[in-house]
Amino acid sequence: MKISCFQPMNRGIPIFFNIDVSVGKNGNNGNSDDVLLVQFLLKKNGELVPGDTPEGAQANEVMKKVPLTGQIDQATIDGITAFQTARRREYPGTIVDGRVSPATHYRYGGHFFTIAAMNGYIRKFAPQVWPRLHDFSDCPAMLKVKIPQIL
């Protein structure tokens, strides 16, 4: 887990929490910090982002059920897939593969990396906390320690 900021900077999300290895379906899944970060971002997206359609509300319910274990499981893969599917409704070119890859920039092609988009929604819907994810009361202990270290 690390902070990324690329040039040219994206004003909507100038910095974001990035992962070192892929997480999810057919991912590396070997870094528990990365898995836990993705799980926490999914859970917060499910809680914070309005589910304005029945499909969006359903995606949020799937994301809210992702356990905060740091270990990959089917619920985490389902949460990633739900996030990507919900984004694809707004951004049709979004790849839905159940995997979050480390971002090498803000975007790939014309679309945001999944990890950047997950961060961006939290920044948008919880600006009073962003980027201090450790200030969320339900932030897992491992992230509460790690996040201030990398900020």
Protein backbone atom coordinates (compact mmCIF):
# COMPACT_ATOMS: atom_id res chain seq x y z
CA MET A 1 0.00 0.00 0.00
CA LYS A 2 1.26 3.45 -0.90
CA ILE A 3 0.18 6.96 -1.84
CA SER A 4 0.24 7.76 -5.55
CA CYS A 5 0.30 11.11 -7.28
CA PHE A 6 0.97 11.30 -10.98
CA GLN A 7 1.80 14.12 -13.38
CA PRO A 8 -0.14 15.76 -14.78
CA MET A 9 -2.11 15.79 -11.56
CA ASN A 10 -5.82 15.02 -11.59
CA ARG A 11 -7.58 17.80 -9.68
CA GLY A 12 -10.49 15.55 -8.74
CA ILE A 13 -8.20 13.20 -6.85
CA PRO A 14 -4.66 14.58 -6.66
CA ILE A 15 -3.42 11.76 -4.41
CA PHE A 16 -4.85 8.35 -3.71
CA PHE A 17 -4.13 5.15 -1.86
CA ASN A 18 -2.70 2.65 -4.29
CA ILE A 19 -1.85 -1.02 -4.00
CA ASP A 20 1.41 -2.83 -4.70
CA VAL A 21 -0.09 -6.06 -6.08
CA SER A 22 -3.37 -6.96 -7.74
CA VAL A 23 -6.32 -7.91 -5.54
CA GLY A 24 -9.31 -10.05 -6.49
CA LYS A 25 -10.12 -12.64 -9.10
CA ASN A 26 -6.90 -14.04 -10.59
CA GLY A 27 -4.98 -11.40 -8.64
CA ASN A 28 -1.73 -11.77 -6.74
CA ASN A 29 -3.57 -11.34 -3.41
CA GLY A 30 -0.27 -11.81 -1.58
CA ASN A 31 -0.23 -8.54 0.36
CA SER A 32 -2.70 -8.43 3.26
CA ASP A 33 -2.36 -4.61 3.51
CA ASP A 34 -3.46 -4.28 -0.11
CA VAL A 35 -6.35 -6.72 0.31
CA LEU A 36 -7.50 -4.95 3.48
CA LEU A 37 -7.30 -1.54 1.81
CA VAL A 38 -9.44 -2.74 -1.11
CA GLN A 39 -11.92 -4.33 1.32
CA PHE A 40 -12.17 -1.13 3.36
CA LEU A 41 -12.56 1.07 0.26
CA LEU A 42 -15.31 -1.22 -1.02
CA LYS A 43 -17.15 -1.14 2.31
CA LYS A 44 -16.92 2.67 2.54
CA ASN A 45 -18.09 3.06 -1.08
CA GLY A 46 -21.08 0.86 -0.29
CA GLU A 47 -21.91 3.02 2.72
CA LEU A 48 -21.19 6.49 1.31
CA VAL A 49 -22.04 6.51 -2.40
CA PRO A 50 -25.76 7.00 -3.05
CA GLY A 51 -27.43 4.02 -4.70
CA ASP A 52 -29.70 6.09 -6.92
CA THR A 53 -31.02 3.13 -8.90
CA PRO A 54 -32.15 -0.34 -7.82
CA GLU A 55 -28.96 -1.72 -9.37
CA GLY A 56 -26.84 0.86 -7.54
CA ALA A 57 -28.54 0.09 -4.23
CA GLN A 58 -27.98 -3.63 -4.82
CA ALA A 59 -24.27 -3.02 -5.60
CA ASN A 60 -23.96 -1.03 -2.38
CA GLU A 61 -25.42 -3.90 -0.35
CA VAL A 62 -22.89 -6.31 -1.87
CA MET A 63 -20.00 -3.91 -1.10
CA LYS A 64 -21.18 -3.34 2.49
CA LYS A 65 -20.96 -7.10 3.12
CA VAL A 66 -17.25 -7.32 2.26
CA PRO A 67 -15.44 -8.57 5.37
CA LEU A 68 -12.40 -6.65 6.63
CA THR A 69 -10.01 -9.57 6.99
CA GLY A 70 -7.03 -8.82 4.75
CA GLN A 71 -7.62 -12.18 3.08
CA ILE A 72 -9.17 -12.60 -0.34
CA ASP A 73 -12.53 -14.37 -0.46
CA GLN A 74 -15.57 -14.61 -2.73
CA ALA A 75 -17.34 -11.76 -0.93
CA THR A 76 -14.42 -9.45 -1.75
CA ILE A 77 -14.39 -10.53 -5.40
CA ASP A 78 -18.17 -10.01 -5.52
CA GLY A 79 -17.72 -6.54 -4.01
CA ILE A 80 -15.10 -5.61 -6.60
CA THR A 81 -17.35 -6.88 -9.39
CA ALA A 82 -20.32 -4.93 -7.97
CA PHE A 83 -18.25 -1.73 -7.81
CA GLN A 84 -17.01 -2.15 -11.38
CA THR A 85 -20.49 -3.03 -12.68
CA ALA A 86 -22.00 0.04 -11.00
CA ARG A 87 -19.27 2.24 -12.54
CA ARG A 88 -19.84 0.72 -15.97
CA ARG A 89 -23.40 2.07 -15.96
CA GLU A 90 -21.98 5.61 -15.79
CA TYR A 91 -18.72 4.90 -17.62
CA PRO A 92 -19.48 2.21 -20.27
CA GLY A 93 -15.82 1.39 -21.00
CA THR A 94 -15.16 0.24 -17.42
CA ILE A 95 -13.66 -3.24 -17.32
CA VAL A 96 -15.57 -5.65 -15.07
CA ASP A 97 -13.17 -8.45 -14.14
CA GLY A 98 -13.41 -8.69 -10.34
CA ARG A 99 -9.81 -7.56 -9.94
CA VAL A 100 -8.22 -4.33 -8.72
CA SER A 101 -4.84 -3.69 -10.31
CA PRO A 102 -2.16 -1.31 -9.07
CA ALA A 103 -2.58 2.01 -10.85
CA THR A 104 0.28 3.14 -13.02
CA HIS A 105 -1.46 6.48 -13.60
CA TYR A 106 -4.92 7.86 -12.84
CA ARG A 107 -6.42 6.37 -15.98
CA TYR A 108 -5.97 3.51 -18.39
CA GLY A 109 -7.34 4.41 -21.80
CA GLY A 110 -10.16 6.83 -21.08
CA HIS A 111 -11.17 5.35 -17.74
CA PHE A 112 -9.94 5.55 -14.17
CA PHE A 113 -8.17 2.59 -12.62
CA THR A 114 -10.56 0.87 -10.21
CA ILE A 115 -8.36 1.73 -7.21
CA ALA A 116 -8.31 5.43 -8.18
CA ALA A 117 -12.09 5.49 -8.69
CA MET A 118 -12.68 3.83 -5.30
CA ASN A 119 -10.58 6.54 -3.65
CA GLY A 120 -12.26 9.28 -5.67
CA TYR A 121 -15.75 8.45 -4.47
CA ILE A 122 -14.67 8.51 -0.84
CA ARG A 123 -12.99 11.86 -1.41
CA LYS A 124 -16.21 13.13 -3.02
CA PHE A 125 -18.66 11.79 -0.43
CA ALA A 126 -16.53 12.14 2.74
CA PRO A 127 -14.43 15.27 2.13
CA GLN A 128 -14.33 16.00 5.85
CA VAL A 129 -12.28 12.83 6.39
CA TRP A 130 -10.36 12.40 3.12
CA PRO A 131 -7.46 11.41 2.99
CA ARG A 132 -7.39 10.47 6.68
CA LEU A 133 -9.11 7.09 6.23
CA HIS A 134 -7.81 6.15 9.68
CA ASP A 135 -10.26 8.71 11.14
CA PHE A 136 -13.25 6.60 10.14
CA SER A 137 -14.44 4.94 13.34
CA ASP A 138 -14.64 1.54 11.63
CA CYS A 139 -11.16 1.67 10.08
CA PRO A 140 -9.39 -1.64 10.76
CA ALA A 141 -6.56 -1.47 13.29
CA MET A 142 -3.88 -2.43 10.75
CA LEU A 143 -4.91 0.46 8.48
CA LYS A 144 -5.22 2.87 11.43
CA VAL A 145 -1.49 2.32 12.00
CA LYS A 146 -0.35 2.13 8.37
CA ILE A 147 -2.21 5.10 6.85
CA PRO A 148 -0.67 7.84 9.03
CA GLN A 149 2.76 6.35 8.29
CA ILE A 150 2.36 6.78 4.54
CA LEU A 151 0.61 10.14 4.68
